[in-house]
Structure formats: C-alpha cells, structure tokens
Amino acid sequence: MENDDLNSKPVYSTEGGSLCPECGQALGGCLCSDIKKAALPAGDGVARLSYEIKGKGKGVTVIRGLALSENGLLDLAKKLKQRFGAGGSVKDRAIQLQGDFRQQARAELLVLGYPVR
C-alpha cells in the first residue's frame, strides 16, 4: 500500500511500538522533548512581575519573560518557592507563586542577576 500524502509520517511500528510524530524515532529513544525543554525562548530576557486573581480564587504572583529553558524555569521556581515558603508552579513559560510576592521576588531576582521591569 503506497502512501498518497508525502508529508505523512508513521506513528506506530510493530517492531518498536509508538513513534514520535516529529522525528519518527521510538518514543523511548526520542529526544524531541528534551531538546524543547533545553531551548531558550525568543525575547528580551527581562522579568516582568504581575499579580493575578482568577475568578474567586486566591491571587498568584506571575513572573514572565525570563530567557531560561524549561529546566531553568523549574530550578528558579523551586528556589523562589523555598525562599518564600510558598507553593507554585511553572505554566506556559511563566513562574506562578501562590500569594503576593512581587516586592520580594523583585529583590530576589535582582540579587540573582536577572533584569526586572
């Protein structure tokens, strides 16, 4: 059976199981997600802090714009959460800290050498 679509890629192999849709390698040997996590985003690298409240929930301090890889953001978020004794996460290339920590985060980022606006 011949493939009519020249841009299509196999997604499963009876020999190796599921395949990565991007590189075609077996999922166990695929490095696409590691490469994406290590890639630096485009931007100016200046941290922007804001305080957001969604619905009736509690507010979070959001830090955006850092020129860090996904792994770098996770490490920085861990440091900040430990420093402030707060919970938080990394979502959509932004660090979210539970509570209003704009002033403390600004001071801490400046100490760590990140430009803040």
PDB file of N, CA and C in Angstrom:
ATOM      1  N   MET A   1       0.851  -1.185   0.000  1.00  0.00           N
ATOM      2  CA  MET A   1       0.000   0.000   0.000  1.00  0.00           C
ATOM      3  C   MET A   1       0.887   1.236   0.000  1.00  0.00           C
ATOM      4  N   GLU A   2       0.687   2.060  -0.970  1.00  0.00           N
ATOM      5  CA  GLU A   2       1.519   3.239  -1.109  1.00  0.00           C
ATOM      6  C   GLU A   2       0.867   4.436  -0.451  1.00  0.00           C
ATOM      7  N   ASN A   3       1.708   5.300   0.118  1.00  0.00           N
ATOM      8  CA  ASN A   3       1.227   6.468   0.843  1.00  0.00           C
ATOM      9  C   ASN A   3       0.997   7.619  -0.132  1.00  0.00           C
ATOM     10  N   ASP A   4      -0.226   8.146  -0.187  1.00  0.00           N
ATOM     11  CA  ASP A   4      -0.550   9.241  -1.099  1.00  0.00           C
ATOM     12  C   ASP A   4      -0.038  10.577  -0.579  1.00  0.00           C
ATOM     13  N   ASP A   5       0.001  10.765   0.720  1.00  0.00           N
ATOM     14  CA  ASP A   5       0.419  12.038   1.315  1.00  0.00           C
ATOM     15  C   ASP A   5       1.922  11.996   1.577  1.00  0.00           C
ATOM     16  N   LEU A   6       2.689  12.833   0.890  1.00  0.00           N
ATOM     17  CA  LEU A   6       4.141  12.826   1.028  1.00  0.00           C
ATOM     18  C   LEU A   6       4.609  13.382   2.362  1.00  0.00           C
ATOM     19  N   ASN A   7       3.765  14.159   3.059  1.00  0.00           N
ATOM     20  CA  ASN A   7       4.152  14.758   4.334  1.00  0.00           C
ATOM     21  C   ASN A   7       3.760  13.909   5.532  1.00  0.00           C
ATOM     22  N   SER A   8       3.118  12.781   5.336  1.00  0.00           N
ATOM     23  CA  SER A   8       2.689  11.961   6.465  1.00  0.00           C
ATOM     24  C   SER A   8       3.863  11.170   7.022  1.00  0.00           C
ATOM     25  N   LYS A   9       3.787  10.854   8.305  1.00  0.00           N
ATOM     26  CA  LYS A   9       4.818  10.078   8.994  1.00  0.00           C
ATOM     27  C   LYS A   9       4.147   8.963   9.765  1.00  0.00           C
ATOM     28  N   PRO A  10       4.805   7.823   9.882  1.00  0.00           N
ATOM     29  CA  PRO A  10       4.212   6.739  10.677  1.00  0.00           C
ATOM     30  C   PRO A  10       4.178   7.108  12.148  1.00  0.00           C
ATOM     31  N   VAL A  11       3.157   6.620  12.859  1.00  0.00           N
ATOM     32  CA  VAL A  11       3.030   6.904  14.283  1.00  0.00           C
ATOM     33  C   VAL A  11       3.124   5.642  15.129  1.00  0.00           C
ATOM     34  N   TYR A  12       3.213   4.478  14.445  1.00  0.00           N
ATOM     35  CA  TYR A  12       3.319   3.225  15.187  1.00  0.00           C
ATOM     36  C   TYR A  12       4.073   2.219  14.333  1.00  0.00           C
ATOM     37  N   SER A  13       4.917   1.438  14.972  1.00  0.00           N
ATOM     38  CA  SER A  13       5.661   0.383  14.312  1.00  0.00           C
ATOM     39  C   SER A  13       5.459  -0.903  15.091  1.00  0.00           C
ATOM     40  N   THR A  14       5.217  -2.004  14.382  1.00  0.00           N
ATOM     41  CA  THR A  14       5.040  -3.281  15.084  1.00  0.00           C
ATOM     42  C   THR A  14       6.318  -3.723  15.767  1.00  0.00           C
ATOM     43  N   GLU A  15       7.453  -3.219  15.326  1.00  0.00           N
ATOM     44  CA  GLU A  15       8.733  -3.581  15.939  1.00  0.00           C
ATOM     45  C   GLU A  15       9.041  -2.736  17.167  1.00  0.00           C
ATOM     46  N   GLY A  16       8.790  -1.437  17.090  1.00  0.00           N
ATOM     47  CA  GLY A  16       9.196  -0.541  18.166  1.00  0.00           C
ATOM     48  C   GLY A  16       8.069   0.090  18.959  1.00  0.00           C
ATOM     49  N   GLY A  17       6.827  -0.128  18.553  1.00  0.00           N
ATOM     50  CA  GLY A  17       5.708   0.479  19.267  1.00  0.00           C
ATOM     51  C   GLY A  17       5.439   1.886  18.760  1.00  0.00           C
ATOM     52  N   SER A  18       4.995   2.768  19.647  1.00  0.00           N
ATOM     53  CA  SER A  18       4.640   4.136  19.271  1.00  0.00           C
ATOM     54  C   SER A  18       5.868   4.912  18.835  1.00  0.00           C
ATOM     55  N   LEU A  19       5.672   5.772  17.854  1.00  0.00           N
ATOM     56  CA  LEU A  19       6.754   6.587  17.312  1.00  0.00           C
ATOM     57  C   LEU A  19       6.475   8.061  17.557  1.00  0.00           C
ATOM     58  N   CYS A  20       7.540   8.837  17.699  1.00  0.00           N
ATOM     59  CA  CYS A  20       7.411  10.284  17.849  1.00  0.00           C
ATOM     60  C   CYS A  20       6.922  10.875  16.535  1.00  0.00           C
ATOM     61  N   PRO A  21       5.877  11.699  16.549  1.00  0.00           N
ATOM     62  CA  PRO A  21       5.373  12.274  15.303  1.00  0.00           C
ATOM     63  C   PRO A  21       6.324  13.296  14.681  1.00  0.00           C
ATOM     64  N   GLU A  22       7.275  13.803  15.448  1.00  0.00           N
ATOM     65  CA  GLU A  22       8.178  14.820  14.926  1.00  0.00           C
ATOM     66  C   GLU A  22       9.424  14.232  14.281  1.00  0.00           C
ATOM     67  N   CYS A  23      10.093  13.290  14.983  1.00  0.00           N
ATOM     68  CA  CYS A  23      11.352  12.760  14.466  1.00  0.00           C
ATOM     69  C   CYS A  23      11.228  11.341  13.926  1.00  0.00           C
ATOM     70  N   GLY A  24      10.139  10.629  14.233  1.00  0.00           N
ATOM     71  CA  GLY A  24       9.944   9.284  13.732  1.00  0.00           C
ATOM     72  C   GLY A  24      10.648   8.196  14.526  1.00  0.00           C
ATOM     73  N   GLN A  25      11.336   8.557  15.598  1.00  0.00           N
ATOM     74  CA  GLN A  25      12.021   7.583  16.448  1.00  0.00           C
ATOM     75  C   GLN A  25      11.034   6.971  17.425  1.00  0.00           C
ATOM     76  N   ALA A  26      11.397   5.793  17.971  1.00  0.00           N
ATOM     77  CA  ALA A  26      10.573   5.183  19.019  1.00  0.00           C
ATOM     78  C   ALA A  26      10.510   6.142  20.200  1.00  0.00           C
ATOM     79  N   LEU A  27       9.374   6.212  20.890  1.00  0.00           N
ATOM     80  CA  LEU A  27       9.201   7.170  21.991  1.00  0.00           C
ATOM     81  C   LEU A  27      10.257   6.992  23.069  1.00  0.00           C
ATOM     82  N   GLY A  28      10.716   5.782  23.296  1.00  0.00           N
ATOM     83  CA  GLY A  28      11.757   5.550  24.295  1.00  0.00           C
ATOM     84  C   GLY A  28      13.092   6.170  23.922  1.00  0.00           C
ATOM     85  N   GLY A  29      13.365   6.333  22.630  1.00  0.00           N
ATOM     86  CA  GLY A  29      14.628   6.889  22.177  1.00  0.00           C
ATOM     87  C   GLY A  29      14.524   8.294  21.635  1.00  0.00           C
ATOM     88  N   CYS A  30      13.358   8.886  21.688  1.00  0.00           N
ATOM     89  CA  CYS A  30      13.123  10.224  21.153  1.00  0.00           C
ATOM     90  C   CYS A  30      13.723  11.285  22.074  1.00  0.00           C
ATOM     91  N   LEU A  31      14.364  12.275  21.472  1.00  0.00           N
ATOM     92  CA  LEU A  31      14.963  13.364  22.246  1.00  0.00           C
ATOM     93  C   LEU A  31      14.272  14.705  22.000  1.00  0.00           C
ATOM     94  N   CYS A  32      13.163  14.686  21.278  1.00  0.00           N
ATOM     95  CA  CYS A  32      12.466  15.938  20.937  1.00  0.00           C
ATOM     96  C   CYS A  32      12.050  16.724  22.175  1.00  0.00           C
ATOM     97  N   SER A  33      11.466  16.051  23.174  1.00  0.00           N
ATOM     98  CA  SER A  33      11.000  16.776  24.361  1.00  0.00           C
ATOM     99  C   SER A  33      12.180  17.337  25.153  1.00  0.00           C
ATOM    100  N   ASP A  34      13.304  16.615  25.201  1.00  0.00           N
ATOM    101  CA  ASP A  34      14.489  17.126  25.895  1.00  0.00           C
ATOM    102  C   ASP A  34      15.050  18.353  25.191  1.00  0.00           C
ATOM    103  N   ILE A  35      15.021  18.332  23.869  1.00  0.00           N
ATOM    104  CA  ILE A  35      15.526  19.466  23.101  1.00  0.00           C
ATOM    105  C   ILE A  35      14.636  20.685  23.324  1.00  0.00           C
ATOM    106  N   LYS A  36      13.312  20.482  23.338  1.00  0.00           N
ATOM    107  CA  LYS A  36      12.387  21.594  23.580  1.00  0.00           C
ATOM    108  C   LYS A  36      12.567  22.174  24.971  1.00  0.00           C
ATOM    109  N   LYS A  37      12.803  21.321  25.982  1.00  0.00           N
ATOM    110  CA  LYS A  37      12.983  21.813  27.348  1.00  0.00           C
ATOM    111  C   LYS A  37      14.278  22.594  27.495  1.00  0.00           C
ATOM    112  N   ALA A  38      15.298  22.258  26.695  1.00  0.00           N
ATOM    113  CA  ALA A  38      16.586  22.932  26.797  1.00  0.00           C
ATOM    114  C   ALA A  38      16.653  24.190  25.932  1.00  0.00           C
ATOM    115  N   ALA A  39      15.710  24.373  25.014  1.00  0.00           N
ATOM    116  CA  ALA A  39      15.733  25.515  24.108  1.00  0.00           C
ATOM    117  C   ALA A  39      15.382  26.802  24.848  1.00  0.00           C
ATOM    118  N   LEU A  40      16.065  27.869  24.465  1.00  0.00           N
ATOM    119  CA  LEU A  40      15.791  29.184  25.042  1.00  0.00           C
ATOM    120  C   LEU A  40      14.721  29.887  24.223  1.00  0.00           C
ATOM    121  N   PRO A  41      13.797  30.576  24.892  1.00  0.00           N
ATOM    122  CA  PRO A  41      12.741  31.277  24.160  1.00  0.00           C
ATOM    123  C   PRO A  41      13.266  32.567  23.537  1.00  0.00           C
ATOM    124  N   ALA A  42      12.561  33.034  22.518  1.00  0.00           N
ATOM    125  CA  ALA A  42      12.884  34.327  21.932  1.00  0.00           C
ATOM    126  C   ALA A  42      12.295  35.410  22.822  1.00  0.00           C
ATOM    127  N   GLY A  43      13.002  36.485  22.996  1.00  0.00           N
ATOM    128  CA  GLY A  43      12.515  37.586  23.832  1.00  0.00           C
ATOM    129  C   GLY A  43      13.680  38.396  24.354  1.00  0.00           C
ATOM    130  N   ASP A  44      13.371  39.407  25.136  1.00  0.00           N
ATOM    131  CA  ASP A  44      14.420  40.290  25.637  1.00  0.00           C
ATOM    132  C   ASP A  44      15.046  39.815  26.943  1.00  0.00           C
ATOM    133  N   GLY A  45      14.457  38.844  27.618  1.00  0.00           N
ATOM    134  CA  GLY A  45      15.033  38.292  28.836  1.00  0.00           C
ATOM    135  C   GLY A  45      14.790  39.114  30.084  1.00  0.00           C
ATOM    136  N   VAL A  46      13.910  40.099  30.015  1.00  0.00           N
ATOM    137  CA  VAL A  46      13.608  40.937  31.170  1.00  0.00           C
ATOM    138  C   VAL A  46      12.409  40.344  31.910  1.00  0.00           C
ATOM    139  N   ALA A  47      12.567  40.135  33.213  1.00  0.00           N
ATOM    140  CA  ALA A  47      11.488  39.565  34.020  1.00  0.00           C
ATOM    141  C   ALA A  47      10.398  40.611  34.236  1.00  0.00           C
ATOM    142  N   ARG A  48       9.174  40.181  34.050  1.00  0.00           N
ATOM    143  CA  ARG A  48       8.016  41.042  34.284  1.00  0.00           C
ATOM    144  C   ARG A  48       7.151  40.395  35.347  1.00  0.00           C
ATOM    145  N   LEU A  49       6.891  41.133  36.418  1.00  0.00           N
ATOM    146  CA  LEU A  49       6.125  40.603  37.536  1.00  0.00           C
ATOM    147  C   LEU A  49       4.724  41.175  37.539  1.00  0.00           C
ATOM    148  N   SER A  50       3.763  40.323  37.854  1.00  0.00           N
ATOM    149  CA  SER A  50       2.383  40.779  37.967  1.00  0.00           C
ATOM    150  C   SER A  50       1.680  39.961  39.032  1.00  0.00           C
ATOM    151  N   TYR A  51       0.538  40.463  39.464  1.00  0.00           N
ATOM    152  CA  TYR A  51      -0.285  39.774  40.452  1.00  0.00           C
ATOM    153  C   TYR A  51      -1.640  39.543  39.821  1.00  0.00           C
ATOM    154  N   GLU A  52      -2.057  38.273  39.748  1.00  0.00           N
ATOM    155  CA  GLU A  52      -3.307  37.943  39.067  1.00  0.00           C
ATOM    156  C   GLU A  52      -4.233  37.155  39.982  1.00  0.00           C
ATOM    157  N   ILE A  53      -5.524  37.448  39.844  1.00  0.00           N
ATOM    158  CA  ILE A  53      -6.552  36.708  40.571  1.00  0.00           C
ATOM    159  C   ILE A  53      -7.515  36.160  39.527  1.00  0.00           C
ATOM    160  N   LYS A  54      -7.708  34.857  39.518  1.00  0.00           N
ATOM    161  CA  LYS A  54      -8.627  34.223  38.566  1.00  0.00           C
ATOM    162  C   LYS A  54      -9.914  33.857  39.290  1.00  0.00           C
ATOM    163  N   GLY A  55     -11.030  34.365  38.832  1.00  0.00           N
ATOM    164  CA  GLY A  55     -12.320  34.055  39.431  1.00  0.00           C
ATOM    165  C   GLY A  55     -12.383  34.504  40.875  1.00  0.00           C
ATOM    166  N   LYS A  56     -12.867  33.618  41.750  1.00  0.00           N
ATOM    167  CA  LYS A  56     -12.932  33.922  43.180  1.00  0.00           C
ATOM    168  C   LYS A  56     -11.763  33.319  43.933  1.00  0.00           C
ATOM    169  N   GLY A  57     -10.768  32.845  43.213  1.00  0.00           N
ATOM    170  CA  GLY A  57      -9.627  32.185  43.836  1.00  0.00           C
ATOM    171  C   GLY A  57      -8.647  33.163  44.451  1.00  0.00           C
ATOM    172  N   LYS A  58      -7.621  32.606  45.059  1.00  0.00           N
ATOM    173  CA  LYS A  58      -6.571  33.421  45.646  1.00  0.00           C
ATOM    174  C   LYS A  58      -5.619  33.886  44.548  1.00  0.00           C
ATOM    175  N   GLY A  59      -4.901  34.943  44.821  1.00  0.00           N
ATOM    176  CA  GLY A  59      -4.021  35.518  43.825  1.00  0.00           C
ATOM    177  C   GLY A  59      -2.675  34.822  43.739  1.00  0.00           C
ATOM    178  N   VAL A  60      -2.042  34.978  42.577  1.00  0.00           N
ATOM    179  CA  VAL A  60      -0.710  34.431  42.359  1.00  0.00           C
ATOM    180  C   VAL A  60       0.188  35.515  41.783  1.00  0.00           C
ATOM    181  N   THR A  61       1.453  35.466  42.148  1.00  0.00           N
ATOM    182  CA  THR A  61       2.462  36.318  41.553  1.00  0.00           C
ATOM    183  C   THR A  61       2.980  35.592  40.328  1.00  0.00           C
ATOM    184  N   VAL A  62       2.982  36.268  39.185  1.00  0.00           N
ATOM    185  CA  VAL A  62       3.404  35.655  37.934  1.00  0.00           C
ATOM    186  C   VAL A  62       4.672  36.350  37.447  1.00  0.00           C
ATOM    187  N   ILE A  63       5.682  35.542  37.117  1.00  0.00           N
ATOM    188  CA  ILE A  63       6.949  36.056  36.599  1.00  0.00           C
ATOM    189  C   ILE A  63       7.088  35.549  35.173  1.00  0.00           C
ATOM    190  N   ARG A  64       7.100  36.482  34.210  1.00  0.00           N
ATOM    191  CA  ARG A  64       7.205  36.139  32.788  1.00  0.00           C
ATOM    192  C   ARG A  64       8.423  36.817  32.180  1.00  0.00           C
ATOM    193  N   GLY A  65       8.837  36.305  31.023  1.00  0.00           N
ATOM    194  CA  GLY A  65       9.847  36.984  30.222  1.00  0.00           C
ATOM    195  C   GLY A  65      11.280  36.573  30.467  1.00  0.00           C
ATOM    196  N   LEU A  66      11.528  35.650  31.373  1.00  0.00           N
ATOM    197  CA  LEU A  66      12.900  35.233  31.631  1.00  0.00           C
ATOM    198  C   LEU A  66      13.425  34.387  30.474  1.00  0.00           C
ATOM    199  N   ALA A  67      14.651  34.649  30.058  1.00  0.00           N
ATOM    200  CA  ALA A  67      15.272  33.895  28.974  1.00  0.00           C
ATOM    201  C   ALA A  67      15.927  32.644  29.541  1.00  0.00           C
ATOM    202  N   LEU A  68      15.089  31.736  30.036  1.00  0.00           N
ATOM    203  CA  LEU A  68      15.559  30.479  30.603  1.00  0.00           C
ATOM    204  C   LEU A  68      14.868  29.320  29.902  1.00  0.00           C
ATOM    205  N   SER A  69      15.553  28.183  29.858  1.00  0.00           N
ATOM    206  CA  SER A  69      14.924  26.984  29.326  1.00  0.00           C
ATOM    207  C   SER A  69      13.861  26.503  30.312  1.00  0.00           C
ATOM    208  N   GLU A  70      13.090  25.508  29.917  1.00  0.00           N
ATOM    209  CA  GLU A  70      12.054  24.949  30.794  1.00  0.00           C
ATOM    210  C   GLU A  70      12.681  24.424  32.086  1.00  0.00           C
ATOM    211  N   ASN A  71      13.822  23.753  31.957  1.00  0.00           N
ATOM    212  CA  ASN A  71      14.514  23.236  33.147  1.00  0.00           C
ATOM    213  C   ASN A  71      15.025  24.372  34.028  1.00  0.00           C
ATOM    214  N   GLY A  72      15.511  25.457  33.402  1.00  0.00           N
ATOM    215  CA  GLY A  72      15.964  26.617  34.165  1.00  0.00           C
ATOM    216  C   GLY A  72      14.831  27.280  34.921  1.00  0.00           C
ATOM    217  N   LEU A  73      13.661  27.368  34.288  1.00  0.00           N
ATOM    218  CA  LEU A  73      12.493  27.936  34.963  1.00  0.00           C
ATOM    219  C   LEU A  73      12.077  27.073  36.149  1.00  0.00           C
ATOM    220  N   LEU A  74      12.110  25.747  35.979  1.00  0.00           N
ATOM    221  CA  LEU A  74      11.750  24.854  37.077  1.00  0.00           C
ATOM    222  C   LEU A  74      12.711  25.011  38.251  1.00  0.00           C
ATOM    223  N   ASP A  75      14.012  25.147  37.969  1.00  0.00           N
ATOM    224  CA  ASP A  75      15.001  25.329  39.038  1.00  0.00           C
ATOM    225  C   ASP A  75      14.806  26.656  39.761  1.00  0.00           C
ATOM    226  N   LEU A  76      14.576  27.731  38.994  1.00  0.00           N
ATOM    227  CA  LEU A  76      14.367  29.043  39.607  1.00  0.00           C
ATOM    228  C   LEU A  76      13.081  29.055  40.427  1.00  0.00           C
ATOM    229  N   ALA A  77      12.026  28.434  39.905  1.00  0.00           N
ATOM    230  CA  ALA A  77      10.759  28.371  40.649  1.00  0.00           C
ATOM    231  C   ALA A  77      10.958  27.636  41.968  1.00  0.00           C
ATOM    232  N   LYS A  78      11.729  26.578  41.959  1.00  0.00           N
ATOM    233  CA  LYS A  78      11.994  25.820  43.187  1.00  0.00           C
ATOM    234  C   LYS A  78      12.721  26.691  44.210  1.00  0.00           C
ATOM    235  N   LYS A  79      13.723  27.449  43.752  1.00  0.00           N
ATOM    236  CA  LYS A  79      14.461  28.345  44.652  1.00  0.00           C
ATOM    237  C   LYS A  79      13.542  29.400  45.265  1.00  0.00           C
ATOM    238  N   LEU A  80      12.711  30.018  44.421  1.00  0.00           N
ATOM    239  CA  LEU A  80      11.825  31.074  44.905  1.00  0.00           C
ATOM    240  C   LEU A  80      10.777  30.522  45.868  1.00  0.00           C
ATOM    241  N   LYS A  81      10.224  29.366  45.559  1.00  0.00           N
ATOM    242  CA  LYS A  81       9.218  28.769  46.448  1.00  0.00           C
ATOM    243  C   LYS A  81       9.829  28.445  47.804  1.00  0.00           C
ATOM    244  N   GLN A  82      11.053  27.916  47.818  1.00  0.00           N
ATOM    245  CA  GLN A  82      11.714  27.621  49.082  1.00  0.00           C
ATOM    246  C   GLN A  82      12.037  28.899  49.843  1.00  0.00           C
ATOM    247  N   ARG A  83      12.484  29.914  49.114  1.00  0.00           N
ATOM    248  CA  ARG A  83      12.867  31.184  49.743  1.00  0.00           C
ATOM    249  C   ARG A  83      11.671  31.862  50.411  1.00  0.00           C
ATOM    250  N   PHE A  84      10.495  31.801  49.761  1.00  0.00           N
ATOM    251  CA  PHE A  84       9.322  32.488  50.280  1.00  0.00           C
ATOM    252  C   PHE A  84       8.395  31.578  51.064  1.00  0.00           C
ATOM    253  N   GLY A  85       8.665  30.300  51.096  1.00  0.00           N
ATOM    254  CA  GLY A  85       7.796  29.364  51.806  1.00  0.00           C
ATOM    255  C   GLY A  85       6.402  29.311  51.199  1.00  0.00           C
ATOM    256  N   ALA A  86       6.368  29.303  49.872  1.00  0.00           N
ATOM    257  CA  ALA A  86       5.088  29.343  49.164  1.00  0.00           C
ATOM    258  C   ALA A  86       5.013  28.208  48.157  1.00  0.00           C
ATOM    259  N   GLY A  87       3.807  27.924  47.727  1.00  0.00           N
ATOM    260  CA  GLY A  87       3.612  26.957  46.659  1.00  0.00           C
ATOM    261  C   GLY A  87       3.666  27.660  45.330  1.00  0.00           C
ATOM    262  N   GLY A  88       3.644  26.893  44.288  1.00  0.00           N
ATOM    263  CA  GLY A  88       3.646  27.485  42.966  1.00  0.00           C
ATOM    264  C   GLY A  88       3.938  26.451  41.907  1.00  0.00           C
ATOM    265  N   SER A  89       4.054  26.936  40.665  1.00  0.00           N
ATOM    266  CA  SER A  89       4.304  26.043  39.543  1.00  0.00           C
ATOM    267  C   SER A  89       4.857  26.843  38.371  1.00  0.00           C
ATOM    268  N   VAL A  90       5.181  26.116  37.298  1.00  0.00           N
ATOM    269  CA  VAL A  90       5.595  26.733  36.045  1.00  0.00           C
ATOM    270  C   VAL A  90       4.567  26.332  34.999  1.00  0.00           C
ATOM    271  N   LYS A  91       3.888  27.336  34.419  1.00  0.00           N
ATOM    272  CA  LYS A  91       2.886  27.088  33.380  1.00  0.00           C
ATOM    273  C   LYS A  91       3.066  28.097  32.261  1.00  0.00           C
ATOM    274  N   ASP A  92       3.049  27.616  31.048  1.00  0.00           N
ATOM    275  CA  ASP A  92       3.142  28.485  29.864  1.00  0.00           C
ATOM    276  C   ASP A  92       4.350  29.412  29.938  1.00  0.00           C
ATOM    277  N   ARG A  93       5.502  28.854  30.288  1.00  0.00           N
ATOM    278  CA  ARG A  93       6.776  29.582  30.377  1.00  0.00           C
ATOM    279  C   ARG A  93       6.727  30.733  31.387  1.00  0.00           C
ATOM    280  N   ALA A  94       5.877  30.627  32.401  1.00  0.00           N
ATOM    281  CA  ALA A  94       5.775  31.634  33.453  1.00  0.00           C
ATOM    282  C   ALA A  94       5.812  30.941  34.806  1.00  0.00           C
ATOM    283  N   ILE A  95       6.510  31.559  35.746  1.00  0.00           N
ATOM    284  CA  ILE A  95       6.561  31.045  37.117  1.00  0.00           C
ATOM    285  C   ILE A  95       5.385  31.646  37.874  1.00  0.00           C
ATOM    286  N   GLN A  96       4.612  30.804  38.549  1.00  0.00           N
ATOM    287  CA  GLN A  96       3.483  31.258  39.352  1.00  0.00           C
ATOM    288  C   GLN A  96       3.759  30.916  40.805  1.00  0.00           C
ATOM    289  N   LEU A  97       3.722  31.940  41.669  1.00  0.00           N
ATOM    290  CA  LEU A  97       3.912  31.760  43.108  1.00  0.00           C
ATOM    291  C   LEU A  97       2.605  32.090  43.806  1.00  0.00           C
ATOM    292  N   GLN A  98       2.159  31.225  44.685  1.00  0.00           N
ATOM    293  CA  GLN A  98       0.896  31.445  45.383  1.00  0.00           C
ATOM    294  C   GLN A  98       1.073  32.544  46.420  1.00  0.00           C
ATOM    295  N   GLY A  99       0.360  33.652  46.229  1.00  0.00           N
ATOM    296  CA  GLY A  99       0.436  34.792  47.137  1.00  0.00           C
ATOM    297  C   GLY A  99       1.028  36.004  46.437  1.00  0.00           C
ATOM    298  N   ASP A 100       1.072  37.115  47.160  1.00  0.00           N
ATOM    299  CA  ASP A 100       1.606  38.364  46.614  1.00  0.00           C
ATOM    300  C   ASP A 100       3.065  38.508  47.045  1.00  0.00           C
ATOM    301  N   PHE A 101       3.975  38.144  46.165  1.00  0.00           N
ATOM    302  CA  PHE A 101       5.407  38.212  46.444  1.00  0.00           C
ATOM    303  C   PHE A 101       6.128  39.089  45.427  1.00  0.00           C
ATOM    304  N   ARG A 102       5.451  40.098  44.901  1.00  0.00           N
ATOM    305  CA  ARG A 102       6.065  40.926  43.861  1.00  0.00           C
ATOM    306  C   ARG A 102       7.327  41.629  44.351  1.00  0.00           C
ATOM    307  N   GLN A 103       7.252  42.267  45.515  1.00  0.00           N
ATOM    308  CA  GLN A 103       8.420  43.005  46.013  1.00  0.00           C
ATOM    309  C   GLN A 103       9.568  42.067  46.386  1.00  0.00           C
ATOM    310  N   GLN A 104       9.248  40.973  47.076  1.00  0.00           N
ATOM    311  CA  GLN A 104      10.277  40.016  47.470  1.00  0.00           C
ATOM    312  C   GLN A 104      10.895  39.343  46.245  1.00  0.00           C
ATOM    313  N   ALA A 105      10.051  38.992  45.269  1.00  0.00           N
ATOM    314  CA  ALA A 105      10.550  38.342  44.057  1.00  0.00           C
ATOM    315  C   ALA A 105      11.428  39.300  43.263  1.00  0.00           C
ATOM    316  N   ARG A 106      11.033  40.580  43.210  1.00  0.00           N
ATOM    317  CA  ARG A 106      11.839  41.576  42.505  1.00  0.00           C
ATOM    318  C   ARG A 106      13.229  41.674  43.122  1.00  0.00           C
ATOM    319  N   ALA A 107      13.275  41.764  44.445  1.00  0.00           N
ATOM    320  CA  ALA A 107      14.565  41.865  45.133  1.00  0.00           C
ATOM    321  C   ALA A 107      15.398  40.598  44.925  1.00  0.00           C
ATOM    322  N   GLU A 108      14.772  39.446  45.013  1.00  0.00           N
ATOM    323  CA  GLU A 108      15.489  38.178  44.866  1.00  0.00           C
ATOM    324  C   GLU A 108      16.016  38.000  43.443  1.00  0.00           C
ATOM    325  N   LEU A 109      15.221  38.358  42.455  1.00  0.00           N
ATOM    326  CA  LEU A 109      15.676  38.246  41.065  1.00  0.00           C
ATOM    327  C   LEU A 109      16.840  39.187  40.781  1.00  0.00           C
ATOM    328  N   LEU A 110      16.803  40.386  41.341  1.00  0.00           N
ATOM    329  CA  LEU A 110      17.913  41.321  41.163  1.00  0.00           C
ATOM    330  C   LEU A 110      19.189  40.776  41.805  1.00  0.00           C
ATOM    331  N   VAL A 111      19.065  40.162  42.990  1.00  0.00           N
ATOM    332  CA  VAL A 111      20.226  39.557  43.657  1.00  0.00           C
ATOM    333  C   VAL A 111      20.801  38.423  42.798  1.00  0.00           C
ATOM    334  N   LEU A 112      19.917  37.658  42.158  1.00  0.00           N
ATOM    335  CA  LEU A 112      20.355  36.533  41.320  1.00  0.00           C
ATOM    336  C   LEU A 112      20.883  36.988  39.952  1.00  0.00           C
ATOM    337  N   GLY A 113      20.758  38.280  39.647  1.00  0.00           N
ATOM    338  CA  GLY A 113      21.331  38.824  38.418  1.00  0.00           C
ATOM    339  C   GLY A 113      20.381  38.886  37.237  1.00  0.00           C
ATOM    340  N   TYR A 114      19.092  38.757  37.463  1.00  0.00           N
ATOM    341  CA  TYR A 114      18.118  38.848  36.370  1.00  0.00           C
ATOM    342  C   TYR A 114      17.602  40.275  36.273  1.00  0.00           C
ATOM    343  N   PRO A 115      17.517  40.835  35.069  1.00  0.00           N
ATOM    344  CA  PRO A 115      16.937  42.169  34.914  1.00  0.00           C
ATOM    345  C   PRO A 115      15.437  42.109  35.154  1.00  0.00           C
ATOM    346  N   VAL A 116      14.910  43.099  35.887  1.00  0.00           N
ATOM    347  CA  VAL A 116      13.490  43.113  36.241  1.00  0.00           C
ATOM    348  C   VAL A 116      12.878  44.435  35.811  1.00  0.00           C
ATOM    349  N   ARG A 117      11.689  44.357  35.257  1.00  0.00           N
ATOM    350  CA  ARG A 117      10.964  45.562  34.871  1.00  0.00           C
ATOM    351  C   ARG A 117       9.644  45.590  35.613  1.00  0.00           C
TER     352      ARG A 117
END
